[in-house]
């Protein structure tokens, strides 16, 4: 059984190195928790991604909560969630303390310019990870391509679009 300290430290580390939100965290979570540590298997990882996507709140918090719960119950969920949120909380406190000087800093602006391309790559990696593990057969790929095109062209309400695609999936995907 994995200790609470190990769970906290692993999720703290993941929270500390992830920029760009929860979607960007998915490849890192998969690499660390599925591939390196073998804390969960790929099937459960994809299940947690799916549930985290439709559960209210940030995906990073939801993933940590679900994975922590699967490992050590309520205590595991509390520790994992606290671990993944701690780095952001600490950084926000530090930024708030020196925001005026920090926002105008040349170093800060250069850092943000350097991080942006990495965020895009991590998001593409997250999309690839979900598609690779979750889609079997041609219909889901066609639906994904159609959904992407509709979303880009018409920019529908995300919630209603998600519900509509779920209903279409019920009738088209065995």
C-alpha atoms as a PDB file:
ATOM      1  CA  UNK A   1       0.000   0.000   0.000  1.00  0.00           C
ATOM      2  CA  UNK A   2       1.320   3.412  -0.977  1.00  0.00           C
ATOM      3  CA  UNK A   3       1.840   5.824   1.934  1.00  0.00           C
ATOM      4  CA  UNK A   4      -0.030   9.109   2.193  1.00  0.00           C
ATOM      5  CA  UNK A   5       3.299  10.948   2.149  1.00  0.00           C
ATOM      6  CA  UNK A   6       4.301   9.281  -1.139  1.00  0.00           C
ATOM      7  CA  UNK A   7       0.898  10.107  -2.669  1.00  0.00           C
ATOM      8  CA  UNK A   8       1.170  13.740  -1.542  1.00  0.00           C
ATOM      9  CA  UNK A   9       4.734  14.138  -2.825  1.00  0.00           C
ATOM     10  CA  UNK A  10       3.974  12.561  -6.205  1.00  0.00           C
ATOM     11  CA  UNK A  11       0.931  14.750  -6.787  1.00  0.00           C
ATOM     12  CA  UNK A  12       2.816  17.811  -5.483  1.00  0.00           C
ATOM     13  CA  UNK A  13       5.560  17.100  -8.028  1.00  0.00           C
ATOM     14  CA  UNK A  14       3.016  16.731 -10.837  1.00  0.00           C
ATOM     15  CA  UNK A  15       1.230  19.926  -9.781  1.00  0.00           C
ATOM     16  CA  UNK A  16       4.534  21.782  -9.611  1.00  0.00           C
ATOM     17  CA  UNK A  17       5.668  20.967 -13.153  1.00  0.00           C
ATOM     18  CA  UNK A  18       2.366  21.294 -14.993  1.00  0.00           C
ATOM     19  CA  UNK A  19       1.551  24.543 -16.753  1.00  0.00           C
ATOM     20  CA  UNK A  20      -1.544  25.083 -18.848  1.00  0.00           C
ATOM     21  CA  UNK A  21      -4.241  23.502 -16.741  1.00  0.00           C
ATOM     22  CA  UNK A  22      -5.508  20.018 -16.181  1.00  0.00           C
ATOM     23  CA  UNK A  23      -5.532  18.919 -19.819  1.00  0.00           C
ATOM     24  CA  UNK A  24      -1.810  19.548 -20.016  1.00  0.00           C
ATOM     25  CA  UNK A  25      -1.404  17.430 -16.886  1.00  0.00           C
ATOM     26  CA  UNK A  26      -2.825  14.258 -18.456  1.00  0.00           C
ATOM     27  CA  UNK A  27       0.348  13.053 -20.251  1.00  0.00           C
ATOM     28  CA  UNK A  28       2.380  13.672 -17.091  1.00  0.00           C
ATOM     29  CA  UNK A  29      -0.158  11.833 -14.910  1.00  0.00           C
ATOM     30  CA  UNK A  30      -0.204   8.926 -17.354  1.00  0.00           C
ATOM     31  CA  UNK A  31       3.571   8.731 -17.534  1.00  0.00           C
ATOM     32  CA  UNK A  32       4.110   8.903 -13.783  1.00  0.00           C
ATOM     33  CA  UNK A  33       1.140   6.996 -12.371  1.00  0.00           C
ATOM     34  CA  UNK A  34       0.531   4.383 -15.078  1.00  0.00           C
ATOM     35  CA  UNK A  35       3.934   3.833 -16.684  1.00  0.00           C
ATOM     36  CA  UNK A  36       6.489   4.586 -13.951  1.00  0.00           C
ATOM     37  CA  UNK A  37       4.787   3.876 -10.639  1.00  0.00           C
ATOM     38  CA  UNK A  38       2.073   1.414 -11.786  1.00  0.00           C
ATOM     39  CA  UNK A  39      -0.361   2.884  -9.247  1.00  0.00           C
ATOM     40  CA  UNK A  40      -3.254   2.522 -11.707  1.00  0.00           C
ATOM     41  CA  UNK A  41      -3.701   0.757 -15.033  1.00  0.00           C
ATOM     42  CA  UNK A  42      -4.472   2.410 -18.365  1.00  0.00           C
ATOM     43  CA  UNK A  43      -8.118   1.314 -18.337  1.00  0.00           C
ATOM     44  CA  UNK A  44      -8.732   3.037 -14.984  1.00  0.00           C
ATOM     45  CA  UNK A  45      -6.708   6.066 -16.092  1.00  0.00           C
ATOM     46  CA  UNK A  46      -8.961   6.554 -19.123  1.00  0.00           C
ATOM     47  CA  UNK A  47     -12.024   6.005 -16.940  1.00  0.00           C
ATOM     48  CA  UNK A  48     -10.809   8.712 -14.519  1.00  0.00           C
ATOM     49  CA  UNK A  49     -10.128  11.068 -17.459  1.00  0.00           C
ATOM     50  CA  UNK A  50     -13.677  10.542 -18.745  1.00  0.00           C
ATOM     51  CA  UNK A  51     -15.307  11.075 -15.373  1.00  0.00           C
ATOM     52  CA  UNK A  52     -13.071  14.073 -14.627  1.00  0.00           C
ATOM     53  CA  UNK A  53     -14.084  15.705 -17.903  1.00  0.00           C
ATOM     54  CA  UNK A  54     -17.791  15.647 -17.072  1.00  0.00           C
ATOM     55  CA  UNK A  55     -17.490  16.294 -13.341  1.00  0.00           C
ATOM     56  CA  UNK A  56     -17.731  19.964 -12.317  1.00  0.00           C
ATOM     57  CA  UNK A  57     -14.424  21.544 -11.372  1.00  0.00           C
ATOM     58  CA  UNK A  58     -10.858  21.554 -12.636  1.00  0.00           C
ATOM     59  CA  UNK A  59      -9.771  18.307 -14.279  1.00  0.00           C
ATOM     60  CA  UNK A  60      -6.483  18.262 -12.350  1.00  0.00           C
ATOM     61  CA  UNK A  61      -8.309  18.363  -9.014  1.00  0.00           C
ATOM     62  CA  UNK A  62     -10.848  15.776 -10.167  1.00  0.00           C
ATOM     63  CA  UNK A  63      -8.141  13.416 -11.444  1.00  0.00           C
ATOM     64  CA  UNK A  64      -6.169  13.684  -8.216  1.00  0.00           C
ATOM     65  CA  UNK A  65      -9.309  13.087  -6.180  1.00  0.00           C
ATOM     66  CA  UNK A  66     -10.388  10.015  -8.154  1.00  0.00           C
ATOM     67  CA  UNK A  67      -6.919   8.477  -8.333  1.00  0.00           C
ATOM     68  CA  UNK A  68      -6.248   9.146  -4.646  1.00  0.00           C
ATOM     69  CA  UNK A  69      -9.595   7.596  -3.730  1.00  0.00           C
ATOM     70  CA  UNK A  70      -8.898   4.503  -5.827  1.00  0.00           C
ATOM     71  CA  UNK A  71      -5.595   4.039  -4.003  1.00  0.00           C
ATOM     72  CA  UNK A  72      -6.401   4.848  -0.366  1.00  0.00           C
ATOM     73  CA  UNK A  73     -10.077   5.802  -0.066  1.00  0.00           C
ATOM     74  CA  UNK A  74     -11.192   9.158   1.317  1.00  0.00           C
ATOM     75  CA  UNK A  75      -7.791   9.868   2.921  1.00  0.00           C
ATOM     76  CA  UNK A  76      -6.026   9.167  -0.381  1.00  0.00           C
ATOM     77  CA  UNK A  77      -8.347  11.502  -2.255  1.00  0.00           C
ATOM     78  CA  UNK A  78      -7.789  14.270   0.281  1.00  0.00           C
ATOM     79  CA  UNK A  79      -3.992  13.848   0.223  1.00  0.00           C
ATOM     80  CA  UNK A  80      -3.726  13.623  -3.592  1.00  0.00           C
ATOM     81  CA  UNK A  81      -5.996  16.625  -4.091  1.00  0.00           C
ATOM     82  CA  UNK A  82      -4.058  18.666  -1.550  1.00  0.00           C
ATOM     83  CA  UNK A  83      -0.792  17.595  -3.169  1.00  0.00           C
ATOM     84  CA  UNK A  84      -1.747  18.627  -6.692  1.00  0.00           C
ATOM     85  CA  UNK A  85      -3.232  21.948  -5.526  1.00  0.00           C
ATOM     86  CA  UNK A  86      -0.410  22.943  -3.140  1.00  0.00           C
ATOM     87  CA  UNK A  87       2.113  24.183  -5.737  1.00  0.00           C
ATOM     88  CA  UNK A  88      -0.452  26.465  -7.380  1.00  0.00           C
ATOM     89  CA  UNK A  89      -1.589  27.762  -4.004  1.00  0.00           C
ATOM     90  CA  UNK A  90       1.996  28.538  -2.969  1.00  0.00           C
ATOM     91  CA  UNK A  91       2.765  30.245  -6.286  1.00  0.00           C
ATOM     92  CA  UNK A  92      -0.420  32.346  -6.098  1.00  0.00           C
ATOM     93  CA  UNK A  93       0.505  33.476  -2.588  1.00  0.00           C
ATOM     94  CA  UNK A  94       3.999  34.457  -3.746  1.00  0.00           C
ATOM     95  CA  UNK A  95       2.699  36.238  -6.844  1.00  0.00           C
ATOM     96  CA  UNK A  96       0.103  38.120  -4.826  1.00  0.00           C
ATOM     97  CA  UNK A  97       2.847  39.333  -2.513  1.00  0.00           C
ATOM     98  CA  UNK A  98       4.937  40.807  -5.344  1.00  0.00           C
ATOM     99  CA  UNK A  99       2.429  41.124  -8.203  1.00  0.00           C
ATOM    100  CA  UNK A 100       3.135  44.711  -9.245  1.00  0.00           C
ATOM    101  CA  UNK A 101       6.859  44.130  -9.704  1.00  0.00           C
ATOM    102  CA  UNK A 102       6.365  40.620 -11.066  1.00  0.00           C
ATOM    103  CA  UNK A 103       3.833  41.491 -13.819  1.00  0.00           C
ATOM    104  CA  UNK A 104       6.107  44.111 -15.364  1.00  0.00           C
ATOM    105  CA  UNK A 105       9.217  41.949 -15.166  1.00  0.00           C
ATOM    106  CA  UNK A 106      11.047  41.170 -18.380  1.00  0.00           C
ATOM    107  CA  UNK A 107      11.935  37.739 -16.969  1.00  0.00           C
ATOM    108  CA  UNK A 108       8.279  36.939 -16.270  1.00  0.00           C
ATOM    109  CA  UNK A 109       7.211  37.964 -19.774  1.00  0.00           C
ATOM    110  CA  UNK A 110      10.004  35.887 -21.323  1.00  0.00           C
ATOM    111  CA  UNK A 111       9.076  32.903 -19.146  1.00  0.00           C
ATOM    112  CA  UNK A 112       5.438  33.065 -20.279  1.00  0.00           C
ATOM    113  CA  UNK A 113       6.519  33.274 -23.929  1.00  0.00           C
ATOM    114  CA  UNK A 114       8.642  30.152 -23.416  1.00  0.00           C
ATOM    115  CA  UNK A 115       5.917  28.202 -21.631  1.00  0.00           C
ATOM    116  CA  UNK A 116       3.127  28.826 -24.180  1.00  0.00           C
ATOM    117  CA  UNK A 117       4.471  26.453 -26.893  1.00  0.00           C
ATOM    118  CA  UNK A 118       4.967  23.717 -24.302  1.00  0.00           C
ATOM    119  CA  UNK A 119       1.354  24.075 -23.174  1.00  0.00           C
ATOM    120  CA  UNK A 120       0.176  23.557 -26.753  1.00  0.00           C
ATOM    121  CA  UNK A 121       2.300  20.409 -27.083  1.00  0.00           C
ATOM    122  CA  UNK A 122       1.017  19.035 -23.759  1.00  0.00           C
ATOM    123  CA  UNK A 123      -2.585  19.663 -24.820  1.00  0.00           C
ATOM    124  CA  UNK A 124      -1.988  17.895 -28.130  1.00  0.00           C
ATOM    125  CA  UNK A 125      -0.430  15.028 -26.174  1.00  0.00           C
ATOM    126  CA  UNK A 126      -3.513  14.841 -23.944  1.00  0.00           C
ATOM    127  CA  UNK A 127      -5.818  14.707 -26.968  1.00  0.00           C
ATOM    128  CA  UNK A 128      -3.688  11.998 -28.574  1.00  0.00           C
ATOM    129  CA  UNK A 129      -3.663   9.987 -25.344  1.00  0.00           C
ATOM    130  CA  UNK A 130      -7.461  10.087 -25.081  1.00  0.00           C
ATOM    131  CA  UNK A 131      -8.012   9.254 -28.758  1.00  0.00           C
ATOM    132  CA  UNK A 132      -5.462   6.435 -28.767  1.00  0.00           C
ATOM    133  CA  UNK A 133      -6.883   4.725 -25.703  1.00  0.00           C
ATOM    134  CA  UNK A 134     -10.582   5.402 -26.025  1.00  0.00           C
ATOM    135  CA  UNK A 135     -11.502   5.069 -29.695  1.00  0.00           C
ATOM    136  CA  UNK A 136     -11.950   1.695 -31.350  1.00  0.00           C
ATOM    137  CA  UNK A 137     -13.293   1.498 -34.875  1.00  0.00           C
ATOM    138  CA  UNK A 138     -13.959   4.169 -37.483  1.00  0.00           C
ATOM    139  CA  UNK A 139     -17.178   5.715 -36.128  1.00  0.00           C
ATOM    140  CA  UNK A 140     -15.590   7.397 -33.077  1.00  0.00           C
ATOM    141  CA  UNK A 141     -12.812   8.868 -35.242  1.00  0.00           C
ATOM    142  CA  UNK A 142     -15.354  10.238 -37.721  1.00  0.00           C
ATOM    143  CA  UNK A 143     -17.422  11.649 -34.837  1.00  0.00           C
ATOM    144  CA  UNK A 144     -14.310  13.234 -33.316  1.00  0.00           C
ATOM    145  CA  UNK A 145     -13.360  14.867 -36.636  1.00  0.00           C
ATOM    146  CA  UNK A 146     -16.927  16.063 -37.214  1.00  0.00           C
ATOM    147  CA  UNK A 147     -17.213  17.380 -33.649  1.00  0.00           C
ATOM    148  CA  UNK A 148     -13.924  19.244 -34.019  1.00  0.00           C
ATOM    149  CA  UNK A 149     -15.027  20.822 -37.304  1.00  0.00           C
ATOM    150  CA  UNK A 150     -18.430  21.848 -35.900  1.00  0.00           C
ATOM    151  CA  UNK A 151     -16.862  23.223 -32.741  1.00  0.00           C
ATOM    152  CA  UNK A 152     -14.277  25.285 -34.639  1.00  0.00           C
ATOM    153  CA  UNK A 153     -16.747  26.569 -37.265  1.00  0.00           C
ATOM    154  CA  UNK A 154     -19.820  27.320 -35.124  1.00  0.00           C
ATOM    155  CA  UNK A 155     -18.439  27.638 -31.570  1.00  0.00           C
ATOM    156  CA  UNK A 156     -21.540  26.101 -29.932  1.00  0.00           C
ATOM    157  CA  UNK A 157     -22.292  26.143 -26.211  1.00  0.00           C
ATOM    158  CA  UNK A 158     -19.844  23.554 -24.843  1.00  0.00           C
ATOM    159  CA  UNK A 159     -22.318  22.011 -22.396  1.00  0.00           C
ATOM    160  CA  UNK A 160     -25.090  21.589 -24.971  1.00  0.00           C
ATOM    161  CA  UNK A 161     -22.577  20.351 -27.536  1.00  0.00           C
ATOM    162  CA  UNK A 162     -21.277  17.723 -25.097  1.00  0.00           C
ATOM    163  CA  UNK A 163     -24.824  16.525 -24.342  1.00  0.00           C
ATOM    164  CA  UNK A 164     -25.686  16.375 -28.068  1.00  0.00           C
ATOM    165  CA  UNK A 165     -22.559  14.373 -28.901  1.00  0.00           C
ATOM    166  CA  UNK A 166     -23.302  12.001 -26.014  1.00  0.00           C
ATOM    167  CA  UNK A 167     -26.792  11.365 -27.387  1.00  0.00           C
ATOM    168  CA  UNK A 168     -25.398  10.804 -30.882  1.00  0.00           C
ATOM    169  CA  UNK A 169     -22.868   8.379 -29.398  1.00  0.00           C
ATOM    170  CA  UNK A 170     -25.626   6.376 -27.706  1.00  0.00           C
ATOM    171  CA  UNK A 171     -27.231   5.704 -31.082  1.00  0.00           C
ATOM    172  CA  UNK A 172     -24.130   5.310 -33.266  1.00  0.00           C
ATOM    173  CA  UNK A 173     -21.529   3.558 -31.131  1.00  0.00           C
ATOM    174  CA  UNK A 174     -22.214  -0.055 -30.118  1.00  0.00           C
END
